[in-house]
Amino acid sequence: MLYKNNNLYGLQFWFLNEIFMLTHIVLVKFLVGDFLPIQIVFIRALSSAVILLPIIISRGEGEVFRQDIGINMLRVGFSSAAITINFFTISQIQLAQVSTIGYLRPATMSLIAFFFLREKQSTYRWFTMFLGFIAIWFAFNPEAPELKLVALLAIFGMFCGSAATILQKHLSNKMENLPLMAWYSVGVCLISAPFAIYFWHQPDITQLGLMIIIGLLATTAQFFYIKAFRSAEASFLAPMMYFHIIPVTIIGFFVFSETPNRNTIIGAGFILFALIFLAIRETQITNKS
């Protein structure tokens, strides 16, 4: 059965996270042309904090904000940088290219997980990551010099996101889902507030509503994200991020008229093969246990 394997059980929550996150990305793509990313990040975090903070207080769990302050603050800092950079790159390059750059993240996460969480790496997982790097080599080819700078910035954001995920995995052994989410939302809100207020551009009712919806979608996605990494090993879920390029490319084509090049299609083929291969191997291991 599926639940015999914690990795496959966690994978279910990872796919739910993907559904909400993809919807969230579409709305962000619509808005980043009119607003600085930091403003969207702030309203997204604020709308989430407004929901989560009263729940935490009503349950008498306010002391969670005194728990593991150093690690939580570090996670919030990394997360704030990662999401702001991600929103900026979404405004500059195709969604498929943003997703492809993100494929450096699984390898980074697996390496951090190996050293920080002591999670062992199987040959099959390393093989999947290797195919992911091949996909990056094929799919990402900046068309202008300035895109190289965007790519470098995106890679830095990817490292920040990877570090935040590993810290979250570590904290999930001590903290429940709701406190983890509240720490994230309140922390990102406080960090982004001064910059958002300084560069504030007044949105109309529709735009403000979309920003709030982005926050609600992100909060729901984060719940499933935390649930996934609580259930499964970080090094197992990391290669699953390769799946992201397929729906992102489809959305970019049909919604934003972003035509993927041949290299992107080839890269997606490598990714799909790698995912099928890893899923089959994990299933075989489960059946033998």
Protein backbone atom coordinates (compact mmCIF):
# COMPACT_ATOMS: atom_id res chain seq x y z
CA MET A 1 0.00 0.00 0.00
CA LEU A 2 1.02 3.62 -0.58
CA TYR A 3 1.22 4.46 3.12
CA LYS A 4 3.85 1.77 3.77
CA ASN A 5 6.43 4.14 2.36
CA ASN A 6 6.72 7.53 4.05
CA ASN A 7 8.39 9.02 0.98
CA LEU A 8 5.50 8.14 -1.30
CA TYR A 9 3.02 9.28 1.35
CA GLY A 10 4.75 12.66 1.52
CA LEU A 11 4.74 12.85 -2.27
CA GLN A 12 0.95 13.12 -2.23
CA PHE A 13 1.17 16.36 -0.24
CA TRP A 14 3.91 17.59 -2.54
CA PHE A 15 1.55 17.36 -5.53
CA LEU A 16 -1.18 19.22 -3.62
CA ASN A 17 1.40 21.90 -2.89
CA GLU A 18 2.15 22.09 -6.61
CA ILE A 19 -1.50 22.69 -7.54
CA PHE A 20 -1.86 25.67 -5.20
CA MET A 21 1.61 27.01 -5.95
CA LEU A 22 1.07 26.96 -9.72
CA THR A 23 -2.13 28.97 -9.33
CA HIS A 24 -0.22 31.36 -7.09
CA ILE A 25 2.54 31.77 -9.72
CA VAL A 26 0.03 32.66 -12.44
CA LEU A 27 -1.39 35.48 -10.33
CA VAL A 28 2.08 36.73 -9.42
CA LYS A 29 3.03 36.80 -13.11
CA PHE A 30 0.01 39.01 -13.81
CA LEU A 31 0.95 41.48 -11.08
CA VAL A 32 4.76 41.77 -11.13
CA GLY A 33 4.66 44.03 -14.18
CA ASP A 34 2.83 46.73 -12.19
CA PHE A 35 4.28 46.32 -8.69
CA LEU A 36 7.68 45.73 -7.16
CA PRO A 37 8.08 42.14 -5.96
CA ILE A 38 8.65 43.23 -2.35
CA GLN A 39 5.17 44.79 -2.17
CA ILE A 40 3.54 41.58 -3.37
CA VAL A 41 5.66 39.60 -0.91
CA PHE A 42 4.53 41.87 1.94
CA ILE A 43 0.80 41.68 1.19
CA ARG A 44 1.08 37.94 0.60
CA ALA A 45 2.73 37.46 4.03
CA LEU A 46 0.39 39.95 5.73
CA SER A 47 -2.78 38.24 4.48
CA SER A 48 -1.43 34.93 5.73
CA ALA A 49 -0.36 36.36 9.11
CA VAL A 50 -3.79 37.95 9.64
CA ILE A 51 -5.32 34.46 9.43
CA LEU A 52 -2.71 32.46 11.31
CA LEU A 53 -1.76 34.81 14.15
CA PRO A 54 -5.25 34.97 15.75
CA ILE A 55 -5.46 31.16 15.61
CA ILE A 56 -2.12 30.84 17.38
CA ILE A 57 -3.13 33.37 20.05
CA SER A 58 -6.61 31.85 20.59
CA ARG A 59 -5.02 28.47 21.15
CA GLY A 60 -2.68 29.95 23.73
CA GLU A 61 0.39 29.04 21.69
CA GLY A 62 1.99 32.47 21.51
CA GLU A 63 5.09 31.05 23.15
CA VAL A 64 5.98 29.35 19.85
CA PHE A 65 7.54 32.65 18.80
CA ARG A 66 10.13 32.12 21.54
CA GLN A 67 10.94 28.63 20.31
CA ASP A 68 14.19 28.12 18.40
CA ILE A 69 14.36 31.85 17.69
CA GLY A 70 17.76 31.75 16.01
CA ILE A 71 16.96 28.96 13.55
CA ASN A 72 13.47 30.35 12.84
CA MET A 73 14.84 33.82 12.15
CA LEU A 74 17.44 32.34 9.85
CA ARG A 75 14.75 30.38 8.00
CA VAL A 76 12.60 33.51 7.67
CA GLY A 77 15.56 35.50 6.37
CA PHE A 78 16.43 32.92 3.75
CA SER A 79 12.77 32.57 2.79
CA SER A 80 12.26 36.32 2.41
CA ALA A 81 15.25 36.61 0.10
CA ALA A 82 14.23 33.55 -1.90
CA ILE A 83 10.62 34.58 -2.53
CA THR A 84 11.48 38.20 -3.39
CA ILE A 85 14.14 37.10 -5.88
CA ASN A 86 11.77 34.51 -7.30
CA PHE A 87 9.05 37.12 -7.93
CA PHE A 88 11.61 39.38 -9.60
CA THR A 89 12.88 36.66 -11.94
CA ILE A 90 9.27 35.77 -12.84
CA SER A 91 8.89 39.34 -14.12
CA GLN A 92 12.08 39.16 -16.22
CA ILE A 93 12.20 35.76 -17.94
CA GLN A 94 9.91 32.96 -19.06
CA LEU A 95 8.29 30.74 -16.45
CA ALA A 96 9.98 27.71 -18.00
CA GLN A 97 13.37 29.37 -17.57
CA VAL A 98 12.62 30.28 -13.95
CA SER A 99 11.60 26.70 -13.30
CA THR A 100 14.71 25.34 -15.01
CA ILE A 101 17.05 27.45 -12.88
CA GLY A 102 15.20 26.05 -9.87
CA TYR A 103 16.41 22.59 -10.82
CA LEU A 104 19.73 23.42 -9.23
CA ARG A 105 17.78 23.46 -5.96
CA PRO A 106 17.24 19.68 -5.61
CA ALA A 107 20.96 18.97 -5.82
CA THR A 108 21.66 21.75 -3.32
CA MET A 109 18.97 20.45 -0.97
CA SER A 110 20.26 16.90 -1.19
CA LEU A 111 23.79 18.01 -0.39
CA ILE A 112 22.61 20.11 2.57
CA ALA A 113 20.37 17.23 3.71
CA PHE A 114 23.34 14.87 3.49
CA PHE A 115 25.54 17.05 5.70
CA PHE A 116 22.94 18.70 7.96
CA LEU A 117 20.23 16.03 8.34
CA ARG A 118 22.49 13.00 7.74
CA GLU A 119 20.09 11.65 5.11
CA LYS A 120 21.66 8.95 2.96
CA GLN A 121 21.60 9.27 -0.83
CA SER A 122 20.78 6.32 -3.07
CA THR A 123 22.42 5.80 -6.44
CA TYR A 124 19.03 6.23 -8.11
CA ARG A 125 18.47 9.64 -6.56
CA TRP A 126 21.90 10.86 -7.63
CA PHE A 127 21.14 9.57 -11.12
CA THR A 128 17.89 11.53 -11.15
CA MET A 129 19.72 14.69 -10.09
CA PHE A 130 22.31 14.10 -12.80
CA LEU A 131 19.56 13.99 -15.42
CA GLY A 132 18.18 17.17 -13.90
CA PHE A 133 21.46 18.97 -14.53
CA ILE A 134 21.42 17.74 -18.12
CA ALA A 135 17.93 19.21 -18.44
CA ILE A 136 19.20 22.56 -17.13
CA TRP A 137 22.03 22.55 -19.65
CA PHE A 138 19.60 21.99 -22.51
CA ALA A 139 16.66 24.09 -21.39
CA PHE A 140 18.27 27.32 -20.19
CA ASN A 141 19.99 29.46 -22.76
CA PRO A 142 19.83 33.21 -22.04
CA GLU A 143 19.11 35.21 -25.17
CA ALA A 144 20.61 38.47 -23.92
CA PRO A 145 23.56 39.40 -21.66
CA GLU A 146 21.30 40.97 -19.04
CA LEU A 147 19.51 37.65 -18.60
CA LYS A 148 22.76 36.16 -17.36
CA LEU A 149 22.64 38.57 -14.42
CA VAL A 150 19.02 37.59 -13.77
CA ALA A 151 20.07 33.94 -13.90
CA LEU A 152 22.88 34.53 -11.39
CA LEU A 153 20.46 36.32 -9.08
CA ALA A 154 17.98 33.46 -9.47
CA ILE A 155 20.69 30.95 -8.54
CA PHE A 156 21.41 32.93 -5.37
CA GLY A 157 17.69 32.89 -4.59
CA MET A 158 17.68 29.14 -5.18
CA PHE A 159 20.44 28.67 -2.58
CA CYS A 160 18.44 30.75 -0.09
CA GLY A 161 15.31 28.69 -0.75
CA SER A 162 17.22 25.43 -0.35
CA ALA A 163 18.68 26.52 2.97
CA ALA A 164 15.23 27.61 4.20
CA THR A 165 13.71 24.24 3.26
CA ILE A 166 16.38 22.27 5.10
CA LEU A 167 16.00 24.45 8.20
CA GLN A 168 12.24 23.89 7.98
CA LYS A 169 12.78 20.15 7.79
CA HIS A 170 14.93 20.36 10.92
CA LEU A 171 12.35 22.48 12.78
CA SER A 172 9.47 20.18 11.77
CA ASN A 173 10.89 17.58 14.19
CA LYS A 174 10.09 19.95 17.08
CA MET A 175 7.26 22.21 15.85
CA GLU A 176 3.78 21.55 14.49
CA ASN A 177 2.63 22.74 11.07
CA LEU A 178 0.67 25.78 12.28
CA PRO A 179 3.49 27.32 14.35
CA LEU A 180 5.90 26.78 11.46
CA MET A 181 3.52 28.56 9.09
CA ALA A 182 2.87 31.39 11.58
CA TRP A 183 6.60 31.95 12.14
CA TYR A 184 7.11 32.14 8.36
CA SER A 185 4.21 34.53 7.64
CA VAL A 186 4.80 36.91 10.54
CA GLY A 187 8.56 36.90 10.00
CA VAL A 188 8.42 37.58 6.26
CA CYS A 189 5.79 40.26 6.87
CA LEU A 190 8.02 42.10 9.36
CA ILE A 191 11.12 41.86 7.18
CA SER A 192 9.40 43.02 3.99
CA ALA A 193 7.23 45.75 5.58
CA PRO A 194 9.79 48.63 5.62
CA PHE A 195 10.75 48.08 1.98
CA ALA A 196 7.15 47.60 0.82
CA ILE A 197 6.02 50.79 2.55
CA TYR A 198 8.92 52.81 1.14
CA PHE A 199 8.30 51.65 -2.45
CA TRP A 200 4.51 51.46 -2.08
CA HIS A 201 2.39 51.74 -5.23
CA GLN A 202 -1.32 51.98 -4.51
CA PRO A 203 -3.21 49.00 -5.99
CA ASP A 204 -6.86 49.17 -7.04
CA ILE A 205 -9.48 46.91 -5.46
CA THR A 206 -8.98 44.11 -8.00
CA GLN A 207 -5.20 44.13 -7.68
CA LEU A 208 -5.36 44.20 -3.88
CA GLY A 209 -7.81 41.30 -3.97
CA LEU A 210 -5.45 39.30 -6.18
CA MET A 211 -2.56 39.96 -3.80
CA ILE A 212 -4.63 38.71 -0.88
CA ILE A 213 -5.65 35.62 -2.85
CA ILE A 214 -1.95 35.05 -3.59
CA GLY A 215 -1.34 35.02 0.16
CA LEU A 216 -4.15 32.53 0.79
CA LEU A 217 -2.97 30.24 -1.99
CA ALA A 218 0.61 30.43 -0.72
CA THR A 219 -0.50 29.64 2.84
CA THR A 220 -2.40 26.55 1.70
CA ALA A 221 0.54 25.48 -0.48
CA GLN A 222 2.91 25.97 2.44
CA PHE A 223 0.76 23.72 4.64
CA PHE A 224 1.03 20.89 2.12
CA TYR A 225 4.73 21.68 1.60
CA ILE A 226 5.48 21.35 5.32
CA LYS A 227 3.35 18.22 5.51
CA ALA A 228 5.26 16.70 2.59
CA PHE A 229 8.68 17.36 4.11
CA ARG A 230 7.51 16.19 7.52
CA SER A 231 6.49 12.85 6.01
CA ALA A 232 9.27 12.24 3.48
CA GLU A 233 13.03 12.66 3.29
CA ALA A 234 14.16 16.01 1.88
CA SER A 235 16.57 14.23 -0.47
CA PHE A 236 13.69 12.14 -1.92
CA LEU A 237 11.35 15.08 -2.51
CA ALA A 238 14.09 17.27 -3.98
CA PRO A 239 14.15 15.52 -7.40
CA MET A 240 10.35 15.78 -7.57
CA MET A 241 10.81 19.48 -8.18
CA TYR A 242 11.83 18.51 -11.71
CA PHE A 243 8.14 17.86 -12.41
CA HIS A 244 7.49 21.58 -12.02
CA ILE A 245 8.75 22.49 -15.47
CA ILE A 246 6.05 20.56 -17.31
CA PRO A 247 2.93 22.39 -16.02
CA VAL A 248 4.86 25.67 -15.83
CA THR A 249 5.80 25.43 -19.52
CA ILE A 250 2.21 24.63 -20.46
CA ILE A 251 0.91 27.58 -18.43
CA GLY A 252 3.53 29.89 -19.91
CA PHE A 253 2.52 28.88 -23.43
CA PHE A 254 -1.27 29.06 -23.12
CA VAL A 255 -1.64 31.88 -20.59
CA PHE A 256 1.35 34.16 -21.27
CA SER A 257 2.20 33.23 -24.90
CA GLU A 258 5.69 32.08 -23.92
CA THR A 259 6.85 29.66 -26.60
CA PRO A 260 9.31 27.10 -25.23
CA ASN A 261 12.34 26.43 -27.39
CA ARG A 262 13.58 23.01 -28.47
CA ASN A 263 16.05 22.83 -25.60
CA THR A 264 13.27 23.34 -23.06
CA ILE A 265 11.26 20.50 -24.59
CA ILE A 266 14.29 18.18 -24.57
CA GLY A 267 15.02 19.12 -20.97
CA ALA A 268 11.42 18.38 -19.97
CA GLY A 269 11.75 14.96 -21.61
CA PHE A 270 14.82 14.17 -19.52
CA ILE A 271 12.98 15.29 -16.40
CA LEU A 272 9.91 13.17 -17.10
CA PHE A 273 12.07 10.10 -17.70
CA ALA A 274 13.98 10.69 -14.48
CA LEU A 275 10.78 11.01 -12.44
CA ILE A 276 9.26 7.84 -13.88
CA PHE A 277 12.51 5.97 -13.25
CA LEU A 278 12.75 7.12 -9.62
CA ALA A 279 9.06 6.40 -8.93
CA ILE A 280 9.41 2.84 -10.27
CA ARG A 281 12.49 2.21 -8.15
CA GLU A 282 10.81 3.56 -4.98
CA THR A 283 7.76 1.35 -5.66
CA GLN A 284 9.96 -1.72 -6.09
CA ILE A 285 11.75 -0.98 -2.83
CA THR A 286 8.39 -0.59 -1.06
CA ASN A 287 7.06 -3.90 -2.41
CA LYS A 288 10.18 -5.73 -1.21
CA SER A 289 9.97 -4.29 2.32
